[in-house]
N, C-alpha and C. Protein backbone atom coordinates (compact mmCIF):
# COMPACT_ATOMS: atom_id res chain seq x y z
N MET A 1 0.84 -1.18 0.00
CA MET A 1 0.00 0.00 0.00
C MET A 1 0.89 1.25 0.00
N TYR A 2 0.51 2.20 -0.82
CA TYR A 2 1.24 3.47 -0.93
C TYR A 2 0.35 4.61 -0.48
N LYS A 3 0.96 5.63 0.11
CA LYS A 3 0.25 6.84 0.55
C LYS A 3 1.07 8.04 0.12
N LEU A 4 0.41 9.00 -0.56
CA LEU A 4 1.09 10.23 -0.95
C LEU A 4 1.16 11.14 0.26
N ASN A 5 2.31 11.81 0.41
CA ASN A 5 2.49 12.65 1.59
C ASN A 5 3.50 13.76 1.29
N GLU A 6 3.03 14.97 1.09
CA GLU A 6 3.86 16.16 0.94
C GLU A 6 5.06 15.97 0.02
N GLY A 7 4.81 15.61 -1.22
CA GLY A 7 5.88 15.51 -2.20
C GLY A 7 6.66 14.21 -2.19
N SER A 8 6.24 13.27 -1.37
CA SER A 8 6.89 11.96 -1.39
C SER A 8 5.82 10.88 -1.35
N ILE A 9 6.28 9.66 -1.48
CA ILE A 9 5.38 8.50 -1.46
C ILE A 9 5.77 7.66 -0.26
N GLN A 10 4.81 7.32 0.57
CA GLN A 10 5.07 6.46 1.73
C GLN A 10 4.66 5.04 1.36
N LYS A 11 5.53 4.10 1.62
CA LYS A 11 5.22 2.70 1.37
C LYS A 11 5.21 1.96 2.70
N SER A 12 4.13 1.28 2.98
CA SER A 12 4.02 0.49 4.21
C SER A 12 4.41 -0.95 3.92
N VAL A 13 5.38 -1.43 4.68
CA VAL A 13 5.86 -2.80 4.53
C VAL A 13 6.04 -3.41 5.91
N ASP A 14 5.31 -4.45 6.21
CA ASP A 14 5.44 -5.19 7.47
C ASP A 14 5.42 -4.28 8.69
N GLY A 15 4.52 -3.32 8.73
CA GLY A 15 4.37 -2.45 9.88
C GLY A 15 5.31 -1.25 9.91
N SER A 16 6.25 -1.18 8.99
CA SER A 16 7.14 -0.02 8.93
C SER A 16 6.83 0.79 7.67
N THR A 17 7.29 2.03 7.66
CA THR A 17 7.01 2.92 6.55
C THR A 17 8.31 3.41 5.95
N MET A 18 8.36 3.40 4.62
CA MET A 18 9.52 3.90 3.90
C MET A 18 9.07 5.09 3.06
N SER A 19 9.87 6.16 3.07
CA SER A 19 9.58 7.34 2.27
C SER A 19 10.32 7.26 0.95
N ILE A 20 9.58 7.40 -0.15
CA ILE A 20 10.15 7.31 -1.49
C ILE A 20 10.06 8.68 -2.16
N PRO A 21 11.18 9.27 -2.56
CA PRO A 21 11.10 10.55 -3.26
C PRO A 21 10.49 10.37 -4.64
N VAL A 22 9.79 11.40 -5.12
CA VAL A 22 9.22 11.36 -6.46
C VAL A 22 10.35 11.73 -7.42
N ASN A 23 11.08 10.70 -7.81
CA ASN A 23 12.27 10.88 -8.65
C ASN A 23 12.41 9.64 -9.54
N PRO A 24 12.21 9.79 -10.85
CA PRO A 24 12.29 8.64 -11.75
C PRO A 24 13.61 7.88 -11.69
N ALA A 25 14.68 8.50 -11.21
CA ALA A 25 15.96 7.81 -11.12
C ALA A 25 16.05 6.90 -9.89
N ASN A 26 15.12 7.06 -8.95
CA ASN A 26 15.13 6.27 -7.72
C ASN A 26 14.54 4.89 -8.00
N ARG A 27 15.22 3.84 -7.56
CA ARG A 27 14.73 2.47 -7.84
C ARG A 27 13.42 2.16 -7.12
N HIS A 28 13.20 2.75 -5.95
CA HIS A 28 11.95 2.52 -5.23
C HIS A 28 10.78 3.22 -5.94
N TYR A 29 11.07 4.38 -6.52
CA TYR A 29 10.05 5.06 -7.32
C TYR A 29 9.69 4.22 -8.54
N GLN A 30 10.69 3.63 -9.19
CA GLN A 30 10.43 2.76 -10.34
C GLN A 30 9.60 1.55 -9.93
N GLU A 31 9.85 1.04 -8.74
CA GLU A 31 9.05 -0.07 -8.20
C GLU A 31 7.60 0.37 -7.96
N PHE A 32 7.44 1.60 -7.46
CA PHE A 32 6.10 2.17 -7.27
C PHE A 32 5.35 2.22 -8.60
N VAL A 33 6.02 2.72 -9.65
CA VAL A 33 5.39 2.82 -10.97
C VAL A 33 5.00 1.44 -11.49
N ALA A 34 5.90 0.48 -11.33
CA ALA A 34 5.61 -0.89 -11.78
C ALA A 34 4.43 -1.48 -11.01
N ASP A 35 4.38 -1.23 -9.70
CA ASP A 35 3.29 -1.76 -8.88
C ASP A 35 1.93 -1.20 -9.30
N ILE A 36 1.86 0.11 -9.55
CA ILE A 36 0.54 0.65 -9.91
C ILE A 36 0.14 0.28 -11.34
N LYS A 37 1.12 0.05 -12.21
CA LYS A 37 0.79 -0.43 -13.56
C LYS A 37 0.25 -1.85 -13.48
N GLU A 38 0.81 -2.65 -12.58
CA GLU A 38 0.41 -4.05 -12.44
C GLU A 38 -0.87 -4.21 -11.62
N GLN A 39 -0.97 -3.46 -10.50
CA GLN A 39 -2.08 -3.68 -9.56
C GLN A 39 -3.18 -2.61 -9.61
N GLY A 40 -2.91 -1.51 -10.30
CA GLY A 40 -3.92 -0.46 -10.41
C GLY A 40 -3.81 0.59 -9.32
N LEU A 41 -4.67 1.59 -9.42
CA LEU A 41 -4.64 2.73 -8.51
C LEU A 41 -5.19 2.43 -7.12
N SER A 42 -5.82 1.29 -6.95
CA SER A 42 -6.41 0.97 -5.64
C SER A 42 -5.34 0.79 -4.55
N ILE A 43 -4.09 0.65 -4.94
CA ILE A 43 -3.01 0.47 -3.95
C ILE A 43 -2.40 1.81 -3.53
N VAL A 44 -2.93 2.92 -4.08
CA VAL A 44 -2.40 4.24 -3.76
C VAL A 44 -3.50 5.07 -3.11
N GLU A 45 -3.15 5.76 -2.03
CA GLU A 45 -4.09 6.65 -1.34
C GLU A 45 -3.55 8.07 -1.42
N GLY A 46 -4.46 9.02 -1.64
CA GLY A 46 -4.07 10.43 -1.73
C GLY A 46 -3.60 10.99 -0.40
N GLU A 47 -3.13 12.24 -0.46
CA GLU A 47 -2.66 12.92 0.75
C GLU A 47 -3.81 13.17 1.72
N ASP A 48 -3.47 13.27 3.00
CA ASP A 48 -4.46 13.67 4.00
C ASP A 48 -4.72 15.17 3.88
N VAL A 49 -5.99 15.53 3.94
CA VAL A 49 -6.38 16.93 3.92
C VAL A 49 -6.98 17.24 5.28
N ILE A 50 -6.35 18.14 6.01
CA ILE A 50 -6.81 18.47 7.36
C ILE A 50 -7.74 19.67 7.27
N GLU A 51 -8.99 19.45 7.67
CA GLU A 51 -9.99 20.51 7.69
C GLU A 51 -10.05 21.08 9.10
N PRO A 52 -9.83 22.38 9.26
CA PRO A 52 -9.86 22.97 10.60
C PRO A 52 -11.27 22.98 11.19
N SER A 53 -11.34 22.94 12.52
CA SER A 53 -12.63 23.02 13.21
C SER A 53 -13.02 24.49 13.38
N TYR A 54 -14.25 24.70 13.85
CA TYR A 54 -14.72 26.08 14.08
C TYR A 54 -13.83 26.81 15.08
N VAL A 55 -13.27 26.10 16.04
CA VAL A 55 -12.42 26.73 17.05
C VAL A 55 -11.17 27.33 16.39
N GLU A 56 -10.52 26.55 15.56
CA GLU A 56 -9.31 27.02 14.89
C GLU A 56 -9.62 28.17 13.92
N LEU A 57 -10.73 28.05 13.20
CA LEU A 57 -11.11 29.10 12.26
C LEU A 57 -11.43 30.40 12.99
N ARG A 58 -12.16 30.29 14.10
CA ARG A 58 -12.50 31.49 14.87
C ARG A 58 -11.25 32.14 15.46
N GLN A 59 -10.37 31.33 16.02
CA GLN A 59 -9.15 31.88 16.62
C GLN A 59 -8.34 32.68 15.61
N ALA A 60 -8.29 32.21 14.38
CA ALA A 60 -7.53 32.91 13.35
C ALA A 60 -8.20 34.20 12.91
N GLU A 61 -9.51 34.29 13.08
CA GLU A 61 -10.26 35.45 12.56
C GLU A 61 -10.53 36.54 13.60
N TYR A 62 -10.61 36.15 14.88
CA TYR A 62 -10.87 37.16 15.91
C TYR A 62 -9.78 38.24 15.89
N PRO A 63 -10.15 39.48 16.19
CA PRO A 63 -9.12 40.51 16.36
C PRO A 63 -8.22 40.15 17.55
N ASP A 64 -7.00 40.65 17.54
CA ASP A 64 -6.11 40.36 18.66
C ASP A 64 -6.69 40.96 19.95
N LEU A 65 -6.22 40.49 21.08
CA LEU A 65 -6.81 40.89 22.37
C LEU A 65 -6.68 42.38 22.65
N THR A 66 -5.57 42.97 22.24
CA THR A 66 -5.40 44.41 22.45
C THR A 66 -6.49 45.18 21.70
N THR A 67 -6.74 44.79 20.47
CA THR A 67 -7.79 45.44 19.67
C THR A 67 -9.16 45.21 20.30
N GLN A 68 -9.41 43.99 20.78
CA GLN A 68 -10.71 43.72 21.41
C GLN A 68 -10.90 44.56 22.67
N LEU A 69 -9.86 44.68 23.48
CA LEU A 69 -9.98 45.51 24.69
C LEU A 69 -10.22 46.97 24.33
N ASP A 70 -9.56 47.44 23.27
CA ASP A 70 -9.77 48.81 22.81
C ASP A 70 -11.22 49.00 22.32
N MET A 71 -11.73 48.02 21.61
CA MET A 71 -13.14 48.07 21.15
C MET A 71 -14.08 48.15 22.35
N GLN A 72 -13.82 47.31 23.36
CA GLN A 72 -14.68 47.29 24.54
C GLN A 72 -14.63 48.64 25.27
N TYR A 73 -13.44 49.20 25.38
CA TYR A 73 -13.31 50.51 26.04
C TYR A 73 -14.15 51.56 25.31
N TRP A 74 -13.97 51.65 23.99
CA TRP A 74 -14.69 52.68 23.23
C TRP A 74 -16.19 52.39 23.16
N ASP A 75 -16.57 51.12 23.19
CA ASP A 75 -17.99 50.80 23.27
C ASP A 75 -18.59 51.33 24.57
N SER A 76 -17.84 51.20 25.68
CA SER A 76 -18.35 51.68 26.96
C SER A 76 -18.43 53.21 26.99
N ILE A 77 -17.51 53.88 26.32
CA ILE A 77 -17.52 55.35 26.25
C ILE A 77 -18.63 55.85 25.33
N ASN A 78 -18.76 55.21 24.15
CA ASN A 78 -19.68 55.70 23.12
C ASN A 78 -21.06 55.04 23.13
N GLY A 79 -21.23 54.02 23.97
CA GLY A 79 -22.51 53.32 23.99
C GLY A 79 -22.74 52.50 22.72
N THR A 80 -21.67 52.05 22.09
CA THR A 80 -21.78 51.27 20.86
C THR A 80 -21.59 49.78 21.14
N THR A 81 -21.72 48.97 20.11
CA THR A 81 -21.56 47.51 20.25
C THR A 81 -20.54 46.98 19.23
N THR A 82 -19.50 47.74 18.97
CA THR A 82 -18.50 47.36 17.97
C THR A 82 -17.86 46.01 18.28
N TRP A 83 -17.46 45.83 19.53
CA TRP A 83 -16.80 44.57 19.92
C TRP A 83 -17.76 43.39 19.78
N LYS A 84 -18.96 43.53 20.32
CA LYS A 84 -19.94 42.45 20.25
C LYS A 84 -20.26 42.12 18.79
N ASP A 85 -20.41 43.14 17.95
CA ASP A 85 -20.71 42.92 16.54
C ASP A 85 -19.58 42.16 15.84
N ALA A 86 -18.33 42.53 16.16
CA ALA A 86 -17.18 41.86 15.55
C ALA A 86 -17.13 40.38 15.95
N VAL A 87 -17.35 40.11 17.23
CA VAL A 87 -17.32 38.73 17.72
C VAL A 87 -18.49 37.94 17.14
N ASP A 88 -19.68 38.55 17.13
CA ASP A 88 -20.85 37.86 16.56
C ASP A 88 -20.67 37.54 15.08
N ALA A 89 -20.01 38.42 14.33
CA ALA A 89 -19.77 38.18 12.90
C ALA A 89 -18.88 36.95 12.70
N VAL A 90 -17.85 36.81 13.53
CA VAL A 90 -16.96 35.66 13.42
C VAL A 90 -17.71 34.39 13.81
N LYS A 91 -18.49 34.44 14.87
CA LYS A 91 -19.26 33.27 15.30
C LYS A 91 -20.27 32.85 14.24
N ALA A 92 -20.89 33.81 13.57
CA ALA A 92 -21.86 33.50 12.51
C ALA A 92 -21.15 32.90 11.29
N LYS A 93 -19.96 33.39 10.99
CA LYS A 93 -19.21 32.92 9.83
C LYS A 93 -18.73 31.48 10.03
N TYR A 94 -18.37 31.13 11.27
CA TYR A 94 -17.86 29.79 11.59
C TYR A 94 -18.70 29.16 12.70
N PRO A 95 -19.85 28.59 12.36
CA PRO A 95 -20.71 27.98 13.38
C PRO A 95 -20.10 26.71 13.98
N LYS A 96 -20.63 26.30 15.10
CA LYS A 96 -20.11 25.12 15.80
C LYS A 96 -20.32 23.83 15.01
N THR A 97 -21.10 23.89 13.94
CA THR A 97 -21.31 22.69 13.12
C THR A 97 -20.09 22.34 12.28
N ILE A 98 -19.12 23.26 12.19
CA ILE A 98 -17.87 22.97 11.47
C ILE A 98 -16.97 22.19 12.41
N THR A 99 -16.94 20.89 12.23
CA THR A 99 -16.24 20.03 13.18
C THR A 99 -14.80 19.72 12.79
N GLY A 100 -14.43 19.99 11.54
CA GLY A 100 -13.07 19.71 11.12
C GLY A 100 -12.87 18.22 10.93
N GLY A 101 -11.63 17.83 10.80
CA GLY A 101 -11.30 16.42 10.63
C GLY A 101 -10.31 16.22 9.50
N VAL A 102 -10.10 14.96 9.16
CA VAL A 102 -9.14 14.61 8.12
C VAL A 102 -9.87 13.84 7.03
N THR A 103 -9.65 14.27 5.78
CA THR A 103 -10.17 13.54 4.63
C THR A 103 -8.99 13.18 3.74
N VAL A 104 -9.24 12.32 2.77
CA VAL A 104 -8.19 11.90 1.85
C VAL A 104 -8.44 12.56 0.50
N ALA A 105 -7.42 13.24 -0.03
CA ALA A 105 -7.53 13.92 -1.31
C ALA A 105 -7.55 12.90 -2.45
N GLU A 106 -8.11 13.33 -3.58
CA GLU A 106 -8.06 12.49 -4.77
C GLU A 106 -6.61 12.40 -5.25
N LEU A 107 -6.33 11.35 -6.00
CA LEU A 107 -4.99 11.17 -6.52
C LEU A 107 -4.68 12.26 -7.55
N PRO A 108 -3.47 12.80 -7.52
CA PRO A 108 -3.10 13.80 -8.51
C PRO A 108 -3.01 13.19 -9.91
N GLN A 109 -3.13 14.02 -10.91
CA GLN A 109 -3.15 13.57 -12.29
C GLN A 109 -1.88 12.79 -12.68
N TRP A 110 -0.74 13.19 -12.13
CA TRP A 110 0.50 12.50 -12.52
C TRP A 110 0.49 11.03 -12.10
N VAL A 111 -0.18 10.72 -10.98
CA VAL A 111 -0.28 9.32 -10.54
C VAL A 111 -1.25 8.56 -11.45
N VAL A 112 -2.37 9.20 -11.77
CA VAL A 112 -3.37 8.57 -12.64
C VAL A 112 -2.74 8.25 -14.00
N GLU A 113 -1.93 9.16 -14.51
CA GLU A 113 -1.30 8.96 -15.82
C GLU A 113 -0.29 7.83 -15.79
N LEU A 114 0.33 7.57 -14.65
CA LEU A 114 1.29 6.47 -14.54
C LEU A 114 0.61 5.10 -14.69
N ALA A 115 -0.63 5.02 -14.23
CA ALA A 115 -1.35 3.74 -14.29
C ALA A 115 -1.74 3.45 -15.72
């Protein structure tokens, strides 16, 4: 079984993993090509795609704490809701239903063409 991973190919053999560079001059790469020509694409899995959760997305989007404290100060002086509106906008953009997780990407075209 082969797994694509950040510009290399991982091969699992007897519980251990070997990293194969994508290089036609490498003998393990040539073995990879021969294996998928012989056995098909079912022996290759695409890269893992990490989908962030709502927590990670919100953390990246919220204003920094200094800015939030400044918003709160001026809201208290001016009777406005700038800070609450900013936070509510981020919460609406990234609801708690975004759970994140890991999915497997489709095989890149260069692998499909090898088969």
